[in-house]
N, C-alpha and C. Protein backbone atom coordinates (compact mmCIF):
# COMPACT_ATOMS: atom_id res chain seq x y z
N MET A 1 -71.06 81.98 42.20
CA MET A 1 -72.78 82.27 42.83
C MET A 1 -72.90 81.05 42.71
N SER A 2 -73.29 80.06 44.16
CA SER A 2 -73.46 78.64 43.76
C SER A 2 -74.67 78.66 42.91
N HIS A 3 -75.37 77.00 42.56
CA HIS A 3 -76.20 76.91 41.76
C HIS A 3 -77.26 76.80 42.66
N ASN A 4 -76.96 76.23 44.03
CA ASN A 4 -77.92 76.04 44.73
C ASN A 4 -78.51 77.55 45.40
N PHE A 5 -77.70 78.18 45.82
CA PHE A 5 -78.28 80.03 46.53
C PHE A 5 -78.84 80.09 45.27
N LYS A 6 -78.20 80.18 43.93
CA LYS A 6 -79.20 81.32 42.80
C LYS A 6 -80.43 80.54 42.91
N THR A 7 -80.78 79.21 43.02
CA THR A 7 -81.59 78.16 42.86
C THR A 7 -83.06 79.25 44.16
N SER A 8 -82.30 78.69 45.62
CA SER A 8 -82.83 79.18 46.39
C SER A 8 -83.11 81.18 46.65
N LEU A 9 -82.39 81.86 45.84
CA LEU A 9 -82.92 83.02 45.25
C LEU A 9 -83.64 83.57 44.80
N ASP A 10 -84.49 82.35 43.37
CA ASP A 10 -84.66 82.47 42.65
C ASP A 10 -86.06 82.13 42.93
N ILE A 11 -86.47 81.14 43.57
CA ILE A 11 -87.42 80.94 44.94
C ILE A 11 -88.29 81.67 45.66
N ASN A 12 -86.99 82.68 46.15
CA ASN A 12 -87.67 83.36 47.17
C ASN A 12 -88.05 85.56 46.02
N ASN A 13 -87.77 85.21 45.25
CA ASN A 13 -88.24 85.76 44.42
C ASN A 13 -90.18 86.01 43.77
N LYS A 14 -89.97 84.85 43.23
CA LYS A 14 -91.25 84.16 42.94
C LYS A 14 -92.41 84.35 43.82
N ASN A 15 -91.92 83.77 45.41
CA ASN A 15 -92.44 84.08 46.55
C ASN A 15 -92.84 84.95 46.42
N VAL A 16 -92.15 86.44 46.54
CA VAL A 16 -92.30 87.96 47.02
C VAL A 16 -93.39 87.99 45.92
N ASP A 17 -93.15 88.10 44.62
CA ASP A 17 -93.77 88.13 43.62
C ASP A 17 -95.55 88.21 43.82
N GLY A 18 -95.56 86.56 43.70
CA GLY A 18 -96.60 85.76 44.44
C GLY A 18 -97.57 86.71 45.33
N ASN A 19 -96.75 87.23 46.06
CA ASN A 19 -97.03 87.64 47.84
C ASN A 19 -97.97 88.91 47.32
N ILE A 20 -96.84 89.45 46.58
CA ILE A 20 -97.41 91.00 46.17
C ILE A 20 -98.41 91.07 45.13
N ASN A 21 -98.40 90.06 44.32
CA ASN A 21 -99.79 89.80 43.31
C ASN A 21 -100.85 89.72 44.41
N LYS A 22 -100.69 89.17 45.66
CA LYS A 22 -101.93 88.49 45.65
C LYS A 22 -102.53 89.49 47.18
N ILE A 23 -101.51 90.46 47.16
CA ILE A 23 -102.14 91.68 48.17
C ILE A 23 -102.52 92.79 47.66
N ASN A 24 -101.34 92.93 46.48
CA ASN A 24 -102.84 94.11 44.84
C ASN A 24 -104.36 93.31 44.36
N SER A 25 -104.18 92.36 45.20
CA SER A 25 -105.72 91.86 44.34
C SER A 25 -106.42 92.17 45.12
N ILE A 26 -106.33 92.13 46.53
CA ILE A 26 -107.26 92.00 47.70
C ILE A 26 -107.02 93.81 48.29
N ILE A 27 -106.22 94.25 47.57
CA ILE A 27 -106.86 95.71 47.53
C ILE A 27 -107.61 96.30 46.18
N ASN A 28 -107.64 95.35 45.67
CA ASN A 28 -108.03 95.81 44.38
C ASN A 28 -110.09 95.31 44.70
N GLN A 29 -110.15 94.43 45.60
CA GLN A 29 -111.52 93.67 46.05
C GLN A 29 -112.08 94.93 46.98
N MET A 30 -110.94 95.32 48.14
CA MET A 30 -111.30 96.44 49.34
C MET A 30 -111.81 97.87 48.78
N ARG A 31 -111.09 97.81 47.29
CA ARG A 31 -111.36 99.37 46.46
C ARG A 31 -112.82 99.12 46.27
N LEU A 32 -113.30 97.51 45.14
CA LEU A 32 -114.35 97.77 44.99
C LEU A 32 -115.71 97.48 46.49
N VAL A 33 -115.44 96.52 47.23
CA VAL A 33 -116.75 97.55 48.13
C VAL A 33 -116.93 98.60 48.41
N ASP A 34 -115.53 99.06 48.93
CA ASP A 34 -115.49 100.76 49.75
C ASP A 34 -116.48 101.76 48.27
N GLU A 35 -116.40 101.57 46.82
CA GLU A 35 -117.21 101.75 46.08
C GLU A 35 -118.52 101.72 46.16
N ASN A 36 -118.28 100.26 46.26
CA ASN A 36 -120.32 99.78 46.88
C ASN A 36 -120.75 100.72 47.81
N LEU A 37 -120.22 100.38 48.90
CA LEU A 37 -120.49 101.26 50.06
C LEU A 37 -121.30 102.65 49.41
N LYS A 38 -120.14 103.27 49.51
CA LYS A 38 -120.69 104.44 48.76
C LYS A 38 -121.45 104.63 48.13
N ASN A 39 -121.93 103.81 47.20
CA ASN A 39 -123.24 103.88 46.29
C ASN A 39 -124.55 103.69 47.31
N LEU A 40 -124.28 102.53 48.22
CA LEU A 40 -125.10 102.47 48.99
C LEU A 40 -125.66 104.03 49.70
N PHE A 41 -124.91 103.92 50.26
CA PHE A 41 -125.30 105.00 51.10
C PHE A 41 -125.55 106.39 50.68
N SER A 42 -125.07 107.14 48.93
CA SER A 42 -125.90 107.77 48.70
C SER A 42 -127.27 107.48 48.42
N TYR A 43 -128.23 106.03 48.25
CA TYR A 43 -128.92 105.99 48.14
C TYR A 43 -130.38 105.52 48.98
N GLU A 44 -129.70 105.74 50.28
CA GLU A 44 -130.30 106.04 51.35
C GLU A 44 -131.61 106.56 51.70
N GLU A 45 -131.55 107.81 51.20
CA GLU A 45 -132.70 108.86 51.30
C GLU A 45 -133.77 108.38 50.35
N THR A 46 -133.95 107.37 49.57
CA THR A 46 -135.36 107.23 48.80
C THR A 46 -135.92 106.08 49.69
N LEU A 47 -135.08 105.96 50.63
CA LEU A 47 -135.87 104.10 51.75
C LEU A 47 -136.98 105.07 52.37
N ASN A 48 -138.75 104.34 52.17
CA ASN A 48 -139.35 104.83 52.79
C ASN A 48 -140.56 103.89 53.40
N ASP A 49 -140.11 102.65 53.50
CA ASP A 49 -140.65 101.32 53.83
C ASP A 49 -139.84 100.68 54.77
N HIS A 50 -140.62 100.03 55.65
CA HIS A 50 -139.55 99.48 57.41
C HIS A 50 -138.96 98.19 56.19
N ASP A 51 -139.66 97.12 55.27
CA ASP A 51 -138.80 96.39 54.46
C ASP A 51 -137.43 96.98 53.84
N ALA A 52 -137.56 98.06 53.45
CA ALA A 52 -136.72 98.72 52.32
C ALA A 52 -135.68 98.83 53.19
N LEU A 53 -135.92 99.63 54.96
CA LEU A 53 -134.91 99.89 55.61
C LEU A 53 -134.03 98.98 56.20
N LEU A 54 -134.71 98.00 56.33
CA LEU A 54 -134.30 96.52 57.27
C LEU A 54 -133.51 95.99 56.34
N LEU A 55 -133.67 95.95 54.93
CA LEU A 55 -132.66 95.33 54.03
C LEU A 55 -131.74 96.16 53.75
N PHE A 56 -131.93 97.51 53.52
CA PHE A 56 -130.63 98.26 53.38
C PHE A 56 -129.15 98.05 54.04
N ARG A 57 -129.95 98.29 56.19
CA ARG A 57 -129.28 98.08 57.03
C ARG A 57 -128.54 96.43 56.73
N GLY A 58 -129.15 95.28 56.62
CA GLY A 58 -128.36 94.12 56.28
C GLY A 58 -127.23 94.48 55.30
N ARG A 59 -127.54 94.75 54.10
CA ARG A 59 -126.89 94.92 53.37
C ARG A 59 -125.54 95.07 53.11
N VAL A 60 -125.98 96.35 53.75
CA VAL A 60 -124.39 97.44 54.72
C VAL A 60 -123.54 97.05 55.27
N SER A 61 -124.19 96.10 56.41
CA SER A 61 -124.04 95.45 57.49
C SER A 61 -122.63 94.12 56.85
N LYS A 62 -123.51 93.52 55.71
CA LYS A 62 -122.95 92.41 54.86
C LYS A 62 -121.28 92.76 54.22
N ARG A 63 -121.71 93.83 53.75
CA ARG A 63 -120.23 95.02 53.03
C ARG A 63 -119.30 94.99 53.71
N ILE A 64 -119.66 95.42 55.19
CA ILE A 64 -119.01 95.70 56.34
C ILE A 64 -117.85 95.12 56.59
N VAL A 65 -118.80 93.48 57.12
CA VAL A 65 -118.06 92.34 56.91
C VAL A 65 -117.14 91.84 56.05
N ASP A 66 -117.57 91.79 54.72
CA ASP A 66 -116.65 91.47 54.12
C ASP A 66 -115.90 92.50 53.81
N TYR A 67 -115.44 93.62 53.92
CA TYR A 67 -114.44 94.26 54.22
C TYR A 67 -113.63 94.11 54.89
N SER A 68 -114.00 94.12 56.47
CA SER A 68 -113.06 93.41 57.71
C SER A 68 -112.61 92.47 57.21
N ASN A 69 -112.83 91.28 56.53
CA ASN A 69 -112.79 90.42 55.98
C ASN A 69 -111.48 90.71 55.50
N LEU A 70 -111.29 91.63 53.67
CA LEU A 70 -110.37 91.55 53.06
C LEU A 70 -109.11 92.11 53.90
N ILE A 71 -109.68 93.41 54.60
CA ILE A 71 -108.88 93.91 55.46
C ILE A 71 -107.65 93.25 56.14
N THR A 72 -108.30 92.54 56.83
CA THR A 72 -108.12 91.14 58.45
C THR A 72 -107.17 90.21 56.96
N GLU A 73 -107.01 89.53 55.85
CA GLU A 73 -106.64 89.23 54.61
C GLU A 73 -105.13 89.68 54.18
N CYS A 74 -105.21 91.33 54.40
CA CYS A 74 -104.58 91.62 53.30
C CYS A 74 -103.26 91.81 54.09
N ASP A 75 -103.78 92.13 55.75
CA ASP A 75 -102.43 92.52 56.94
C ASP A 75 -102.25 91.26 57.49
N ASN A 76 -102.32 89.67 57.01
CA ASN A 76 -101.79 88.65 57.10
C ASN A 76 -100.88 88.44 56.16
N ASN A 77 -101.01 88.94 54.96
CA ASN A 77 -100.22 88.85 53.74
C ASN A 77 -99.34 90.14 54.09
N LEU A 78 -99.32 90.51 54.41
CA LEU A 78 -98.60 92.24 54.90
C LEU A 78 -97.40 92.15 55.48
N THR A 79 -98.17 91.02 56.88
CA THR A 79 -97.27 90.43 57.94
C THR A 79 -96.39 89.49 57.56
N CYS A 80 -96.49 88.83 56.13
CA CYS A 80 -95.62 88.25 56.00
C CYS A 80 -94.68 88.17 55.07
N SER A 81 -94.50 89.37 54.49
CA SER A 81 -93.68 90.02 53.43
C SER A 81 -92.49 90.70 53.95
N GLU A 82 -91.68 90.55 53.62
CA GLU A 82 -90.60 91.57 53.92
C GLU A 82 -90.34 92.63 52.57
N PHE A 83 -90.64 92.48 51.79
CA PHE A 83 -90.31 93.42 50.97
C PHE A 83 -91.92 94.10 50.21
N ILE A 84 -92.67 95.17 50.92
CA ILE A 84 -93.65 95.57 50.41
C ILE A 84 -93.54 97.41 50.48
N SER A 85 -93.70 97.41 49.14
CA SER A 85 -94.26 99.09 48.67
C SER A 85 -94.79 99.94 50.05
N PRO A 86 -94.19 101.46 50.02
CA PRO A 86 -94.38 102.37 50.40
C PRO A 86 -96.27 102.37 49.93
N ASN A 87 -96.22 102.28 48.93
CA ASN A 87 -97.90 102.27 47.97
C ASN A 87 -98.97 101.30 48.90
N LEU A 88 -98.36 100.42 48.86
CA LEU A 88 -99.38 98.87 49.25
C LEU A 88 -99.69 99.38 50.41
N LYS A 89 -98.61 100.01 51.36
CA LYS A 89 -99.19 100.03 52.91
C LYS A 89 -99.68 101.54 52.97
N GLU A 90 -99.81 102.16 52.62
CA GLU A 90 -100.49 103.28 52.32
C GLU A 90 -102.17 103.03 52.21
N GLN A 91 -102.50 102.27 50.89
CA GLN A 91 -103.43 101.72 50.49
C GLN A 91 -104.11 101.26 51.73
N TYR A 92 -103.15 100.01 52.20
CA TYR A 92 -104.02 98.99 53.74
C TYR A 92 -104.24 99.76 54.28
N GLU A 93 -103.66 100.80 55.05
CA GLU A 93 -103.97 102.16 55.70
C GLU A 93 -105.32 103.06 55.71
N TYR A 94 -105.58 103.56 54.47
CA TYR A 94 -106.38 103.61 54.07
C TYR A 94 -107.91 103.38 54.54
N HIS A 95 -107.85 101.93 54.01
CA HIS A 95 -108.60 100.92 54.22
C HIS A 95 -109.14 100.86 55.67
N LEU A 96 -107.99 100.50 56.52
CA LEU A 96 -108.70 100.19 57.42
C LEU A 96 -108.87 101.42 58.50
N LYS A 97 -108.84 102.50 57.86
CA LYS A 97 -109.15 103.94 58.98
C LYS A 97 -110.49 104.03 57.32
N ASN A 98 -110.64 103.78 56.58
CA ASN A 98 -112.14 103.91 56.10
C ASN A 98 -113.29 103.16 56.35
N ILE A 99 -112.50 101.81 57.41
CA ILE A 99 -113.71 100.89 57.42
C ILE A 99 -114.51 101.53 59.19
N ASP A 100 -113.64 102.16 59.58
CA ASP A 100 -114.38 102.66 60.67
C ASP A 100 -115.15 103.76 60.43
N ASN A 101 -114.47 104.28 59.42
CA ASN A 101 -116.31 105.59 59.53
C ASN A 101 -117.34 104.96 58.85
N TYR A 102 -116.93 104.10 58.22
CA TYR A 102 -118.34 103.45 57.65
C TYR A 102 -119.03 102.46 58.62
N LYS A 103 -118.35 102.24 59.55
CA LYS A 103 -119.28 101.17 60.92
C LYS A 103 -119.74 102.78 61.30
N ARG A 104 -119.12 104.04 62.13
CA ARG A 104 -119.88 104.96 62.30
C ARG A 104 -120.96 105.47 61.58
N GLU A 105 -120.70 105.78 60.49
CA GLU A 105 -122.10 106.33 59.36
C GLU A 105 -122.64 105.18 59.32
N LEU A 106 -122.79 103.86 59.26
CA LEU A 106 -124.33 103.37 59.52
C LEU A 106 -124.64 103.73 61.22
N SER A 107 -123.79 103.58 61.69
CA SER A 107 -124.26 103.68 63.48
C SER A 107 -125.45 104.93 63.71
N VAL A 108 -124.79 105.95 62.63
CA VAL A 108 -125.38 107.52 62.51
C VAL A 108 -126.47 107.27 62.03
N TRP A 109 -126.48 106.35 61.26
CA TRP A 109 -127.91 106.59 60.18
C TRP A 109 -128.89 105.98 60.55
N TRP A 110 -128.41 104.66 61.30
CA TRP A 110 -129.40 103.50 62.40
C TRP A 110 -129.96 104.77 63.26
N ASN A 111 -129.52 104.94 64.65
CA ASN A 111 -129.69 105.88 65.22
C ASN A 111 -131.02 107.07 64.89
N GLY A 112 -130.69 107.45 63.64
CA GLY A 112 -131.92 108.25 63.24
C GLY A 112 -132.72 107.80 62.11
N ARG A 113 -132.85 106.78 61.94
CA ARG A 113 -133.58 105.85 61.48
C ARG A 113 -134.73 104.81 62.11
N ALA A 114 -134.05 104.23 63.16
CA ALA A 114 -135.26 103.89 64.18
C ALA A 114 -136.37 103.81 64.38
N ASN A 115 -136.71 105.11 64.84
CA ASN A 115 -137.97 105.43 65.34
C ASN A 115 -138.83 105.28 63.90
N ASP A 116 -138.18 106.27 62.72
CA ASP A 116 -138.69 105.99 61.24
C ASP A 116 -139.37 104.08 60.71
N TYR A 117 -137.99 103.27 61.49
CA TYR A 117 -138.48 101.98 61.32
C TYR A 117 -139.88 101.68 62.20
N HIS A 118 -139.53 102.00 63.37
CA HIS A 118 -140.78 101.19 64.13
C HIS A 118 -142.09 101.66 63.77
N ARG A 119 -141.89 103.24 62.90
CA ARG A 119 -143.78 103.92 62.61
C ARG A 119 -143.89 103.05 61.19
N LEU A 120 -143.34 102.83 60.53
CA LEU A 120 -143.34 102.37 59.28
C LEU A 120 -143.81 101.01 59.35
N CYS A 121 -143.41 100.55 60.81
CA CYS A 121 -143.72 98.74 60.78
C CYS A 121 -145.56 98.84 61.68
N MET A 122 -145.28 99.93 62.26
CA MET A 122 -146.63 100.16 62.69
C MET A 122 -147.89 101.04 61.43
N GLU A 123 -147.58 101.23 61.76
CA GLU A 123 -148.53 101.95 59.52
C GLU A 123 -148.61 100.88 58.97
N ASN A 124 -147.80 99.96 58.53
CA ASN A 124 -147.91 99.18 57.62
C ASN A 124 -148.82 97.76 58.37
N PHE A 125 -148.92 97.26 59.64
CA PHE A 125 -149.65 96.38 60.08
C PHE A 125 -151.27 96.91 60.07
N LEU A 126 -151.52 98.40 60.75
CA LEU A 126 -152.87 99.38 60.62
C LEU A 126 -153.32 99.17 58.57
N ASN A 127 -152.36 99.52 57.94
CA ASN A 127 -153.10 99.09 56.67
C ASN A 127 -153.85 98.28 56.26
N ARG A 128 -152.71 96.75 56.61
CA ARG A 128 -153.04 95.84 56.97
C ARG A 128 -154.35 95.01 57.37
N LYS A 129 -154.08 95.40 58.32
CA LYS A 129 -156.01 95.47 59.45
C LYS A 129 -157.08 96.10 58.79
N ILE A 130 -156.90 97.67 57.86
CA ILE A 130 -158.14 98.53 57.84
C ILE A 130 -158.20 97.31 55.84
N SER A 131 -157.24 96.96 55.77
CA SER A 131 -157.93 96.39 54.28
C SER A 131 -158.48 94.74 54.46
N ASP A 132 -158.56 94.42 55.81
CA ASP A 132 -159.16 93.27 55.95
C ASP A 132 -160.37 93.43 56.88
N ILE A 133 -161.39 94.86 57.13
CA ILE A 133 -161.99 94.55 57.52
C ILE A 133 -163.60 95.28 56.48
N ASN A 134 -164.49 93.85 56.41
CA ASN A 134 -164.98 94.82 55.59
C ASN A 134 -166.77 95.21 56.55
N PHE A 135 -166.97 96.21 56.12
CA PHE A 135 -168.24 96.50 56.92
C PHE A 135 -169.65 95.86 56.85
N THR A 136 -170.37 95.76 57.54
CA THR A 136 -171.79 95.04 57.14
C THR A 136 -172.69 95.77 57.84
N SER A 137 -174.12 96.08 57.33
CA SER A 137 -175.10 96.62 58.22
C SER A 137 -175.82 95.90 59.49
N ASN A 138 -175.74 94.67 59.15
CA ASN A 138 -176.57 93.36 60.14
C ASN A 138 -175.92 93.47 61.38
N ASP A 139 -176.51 93.90 62.43
CA ASP A 139 -175.90 93.70 64.11
C ASP A 139 -175.05 92.25 64.03
N ASP A 140 -176.20 91.70 63.76
CA ASP A 140 -175.63 89.92 64.55
C ASP A 140 -174.26 90.14 63.35
N ASN A 141 -174.23 90.48 62.29
CA ASN A 141 -172.95 89.99 61.25
C ASN A 141 -171.70 90.94 62.04
N LYS A 142 -172.65 91.88 62.74
CA LYS A 142 -171.33 93.23 62.61
C LYS A 142 -170.67 92.93 63.71
N ASN A 143 -171.63 92.09 65.36
CA ASN A 143 -171.03 91.12 65.78
C ASN A 143 -169.94 90.62 66.10
N LYS A 144 -170.49 89.65 65.21
CA LYS A 144 -169.11 88.25 64.44
C LYS A 144 -168.28 88.70 64.04
N LEU A 145 -168.42 89.42 62.82
CA LEU A 145 -167.18 90.49 62.20
C LEU A 145 -165.97 90.81 63.52
N THR A 146 -167.31 91.77 64.61
CA THR A 146 -166.09 92.13 65.49
C THR A 146 -164.99 91.45 66.01
N ASP A 147 -165.67 90.18 66.69
CA ASP A 147 -165.26 88.43 67.58
C ASP A 147 -164.08 88.46 66.39
N ILE A 148 -164.05 88.07 65.58
CA ILE A 148 -163.31 87.65 63.91
C ILE A 148 -162.62 88.76 64.34
N ASN A 149 -162.58 89.59 63.89
CA ASN A 149 -161.20 91.01 64.03
C ASN A 149 -160.48 91.07 65.09
N LEU A 150 -161.27 90.69 66.30
CA LEU A 150 -160.66 91.22 67.35
C LEU A 150 -159.23 89.77 67.38
N LYS A 151 -159.41 88.42 66.63
CA LYS A 151 -158.55 87.65 66.97
C LYS A 151 -158.29 87.90 65.64
N ASP A 152 -158.22 88.31 64.76
CA ASP A 152 -157.34 88.39 63.71
C ASP A 152 -156.47 89.73 64.58
N THR A 153 -156.77 90.60 64.74
CA THR A 153 -155.85 91.59 65.13
C THR A 153 -154.55 91.62 66.06
N LYS A 154 -155.21 90.25 67.31
CA LYS A 154 -154.41 89.84 68.01
C LYS A 154 -153.55 89.31 67.90
N LYS A 155 -153.93 88.27 66.53
CA LYS A 155 -152.38 87.31 66.04
C LYS A 155 -151.61 88.14 64.80
N LEU A 156 -151.98 89.20 64.33
CA LEU A 156 -151.12 90.64 63.97
C LEU A 156 -150.39 91.03 64.39
N MET A 157 -151.10 91.48 65.49
CA MET A 157 -150.02 91.89 66.42
C MET A 157 -148.93 90.91 67.44
N ILE A 158 -149.33 89.77 67.72
CA ILE A 158 -148.10 88.67 67.95
C ILE A 158 -146.93 88.42 66.95
N ASP A 159 -147.71 88.97 65.29
CA ASP A 159 -147.33 88.26 63.94
C ASP A 159 -146.37 89.42 64.25
N GLU A 160 -146.66 90.86 64.14
CA GLU A 160 -145.48 91.73 64.32
C GLU A 160 -144.45 92.35 65.63
N ILE A 161 -145.12 91.72 67.10
CA ILE A 161 -144.15 91.67 67.79
C ILE A 161 -142.65 90.14 67.33
N ASN A 162 -143.52 89.30 66.61
CA ASN A 162 -142.01 88.19 66.27
C ASN A 162 -141.04 89.11 65.70
N ARG A 163 -141.82 89.54 64.41
CA ARG A 163 -141.17 89.97 63.53
C ARG A 163 -139.82 90.91 64.29
N MET A 164 -140.45 91.97 65.30
CA MET A 164 -139.79 92.99 65.47
C MET A 164 -138.48 92.55 65.95
N LYS A 165 -138.80 91.44 67.25
CA LYS A 165 -138.06 90.54 67.74
C LYS A 165 -137.07 90.04 66.61
N ASN A 166 -137.39 89.38 65.62
CA ASN A 166 -136.43 88.63 64.66
C ASN A 166 -135.70 89.83 64.11
N VAL A 167 -135.89 91.07 64.06
CA VAL A 167 -135.09 92.36 63.45
C VAL A 167 -134.26 92.91 64.61
N LYS A 168 -134.82 92.90 65.68
CA LYS A 168 -133.69 93.11 67.04
C LYS A 168 -132.60 92.50 66.98
N SER A 169 -132.88 91.05 66.73
CA SER A 169 -131.89 90.26 67.09
C SER A 169 -131.35 89.70 65.62
N GLU A 170 -131.28 90.33 64.68
CA GLU A 170 -130.63 90.79 63.70
C GLU A 170 -129.71 91.47 63.41
N LEU A 171 -129.92 92.77 64.42
CA LEU A 171 -128.64 93.92 64.20
C LEU A 171 -128.28 93.96 65.62
N ILE A 172 -128.77 92.83 66.47
CA ILE A 172 -127.27 92.47 67.37
C ILE A 172 -126.98 92.09 66.94
N GLU A 173 -126.90 90.92 66.33
CA GLU A 173 -125.99 90.08 65.24
C GLU A 173 -124.50 90.24 64.46
N SER A 174 -125.47 91.64 63.95
CA SER A 174 -124.75 92.65 63.12
C SER A 174 -123.57 93.33 63.72
N SER A 175 -124.10 93.78 65.44
CA SER A 175 -123.47 94.57 65.87
C SER A 175 -122.12 93.85 66.89
N GLN A 176 -122.35 92.55 66.60
CA GLN A 176 -121.60 92.03 67.38
C GLN A 176 -120.40 91.32 66.54
N LYS A 177 -120.83 91.21 65.61
CA LYS A 177 -120.20 90.68 64.29
C LYS A 177 -119.06 92.03 63.91
N LEU A 178 -119.38 93.03 64.03
CA LEU A 178 -118.59 94.30 63.77
C LEU A 178 -117.76 94.52 64.81
N LYS A 179 -118.35 94.47 66.51
CA LYS A 179 -117.09 94.16 67.30
C LYS A 179 -115.97 93.15 67.42
N LYS A 180 -116.87 92.39 67.19
CA LYS A 180 -115.23 91.29 67.13
C LYS A 180 -114.53 91.52 66.03
N GLN A 181 -114.74 92.30 64.82
CA GLN A 181 -113.27 92.63 64.17
C GLN A 181 -113.25 94.25 64.17
N ASP A 182 -113.22 94.62 65.09
CA ASP A 182 -112.62 95.28 65.91
C ASP A 182 -112.04 95.52 66.82
N GLU A 183 -112.07 94.28 67.18
CA GLU A 183 -110.86 92.94 68.40
C GLU A 183 -109.91 93.49 67.65
N ILE A 184 -110.03 92.34 66.87
CA ILE A 184 -109.33 91.88 65.99
C ILE A 184 -108.15 93.06 65.35
N PHE A 185 -108.61 93.67 64.91
CA PHE A 185 -107.92 95.17 63.95
C PHE A 185 -107.08 95.64 65.30
N ASN A 186 -107.86 95.50 66.19
CA ASN A 186 -106.78 96.22 67.59
C ASN A 186 -105.62 95.57 67.72
N ILE A 187 -105.85 93.95 67.76
CA ILE A 187 -104.68 93.21 67.60
C ILE A 187 -104.08 93.00 66.56
N PHE A 188 -104.34 93.25 65.63
CA PHE A 188 -103.42 93.96 64.60
C PHE A 188 -102.46 94.82 64.26
N GLU A 189 -103.49 95.88 65.10
CA GLU A 189 -102.41 97.05 64.79
C GLU A 189 -101.76 97.23 65.75
N MET A 190 -101.57 96.35 67.00
CA MET A 190 -100.69 96.00 68.16
C MET A 190 -99.41 95.51 67.55
N LYS A 191 -99.55 94.44 66.81
CA LYS A 191 -98.87 93.26 66.27
C LYS A 191 -97.85 94.03 64.81
N ILE A 192 -98.80 95.36 64.57
CA ILE A 192 -98.18 95.81 63.29
C ILE A 192 -97.12 96.99 63.71
N ARG A 193 -97.57 97.86 65.07
CA ARG A 193 -96.53 98.24 66.31
C ARG A 193 -95.68 97.58 66.44
N SER A 194 -96.13 96.81 67.03
CA SER A 194 -94.20 95.68 67.37
C SER A 194 -93.54 95.39 66.78
N SER A 195 -93.85 95.07 65.42
CA SER A 195 -92.73 94.50 64.17
C SER A 195 -91.99 95.61 63.83
N ALA A 196 -93.18 96.55 63.88
CA ALA A 196 -92.36 98.49 63.53
C ALA A 196 -91.00 98.39 64.13
N LYS A 197 -91.81 98.09 65.73
CA LYS A 197 -90.51 98.75 66.95
C LYS A 197 -89.14 97.79 66.41
N LEU A 198 -89.35 96.32 66.11
CA LEU A 198 -89.00 95.74 66.21
C LEU A 198 -87.92 95.93 64.94
N ILE A 199 -88.22 95.69 63.82
CA ILE A 199 -87.30 96.26 62.55
C ILE A 199 -86.85 97.37 62.66
N TYR A 200 -87.22 98.56 63.02
CA TYR A 200 -86.00 99.71 63.59
C TYR A 200 -85.05 99.36 64.70
N SER A 201 -85.65 99.17 65.47
CA SER A 201 -84.18 98.92 66.61
C SER A 201 -83.59 97.65 65.36
N LEU A 202 -83.76 96.73 65.00
CA LEU A 202 -82.50 95.66 64.23
C LEU A 202 -81.93 96.92 63.16
N LYS A 203 -82.53 98.04 62.43
CA LYS A 203 -81.69 98.36 61.64
C LYS A 203 -81.16 99.29 61.88
N LYS A 204 -81.21 100.22 63.28
CA LYS A 204 -80.18 100.68 64.45
C LYS A 204 -78.72 99.79 64.75
N LYS A 205 -78.92 98.36 64.67
CA LYS A 205 -77.77 97.23 65.07
C LYS A 205 -77.06 97.65 63.91
């Protein structure tokens, strides 16, 4: 065995080991995100405030996006590796299917909570309004107070409408991110299948 060939072989082995270590590290991170999402959904029954509902959806959406990014990174490393154990591939496939389950679960959860969210928003608005009203026995003061309260009510309603518009915008943005991730996964899946067919055809030769 020539010295140059041995050196090249050692370098290739180091690259393979380094890539496998990186894939293992990514899979460990995916496992942590998976556990975090499971924990989040296990506590969602305790949500009884409109801010808490919005915060929960935002946190879950962020975790799903993080999960998607890790899966994409893992797929890139698997594609670049020639020698990958079946166990690593199985773990990757598990997470690839698992993220679709979380997307569906989040969608079902929000469809079942959207009405509650809007109801809680209105209750919060009414409670804030009631707490601001101070009744007086003087008719003149009452009329003045009524005018002030009407203006305040209008302002609070405009603020609440703007708040709900912002919520809708955030939800649309999250949905668009998840949709984009789906498109990326579909492309990667096609590439994996194409690579598998190519490898199979080369083995037959």
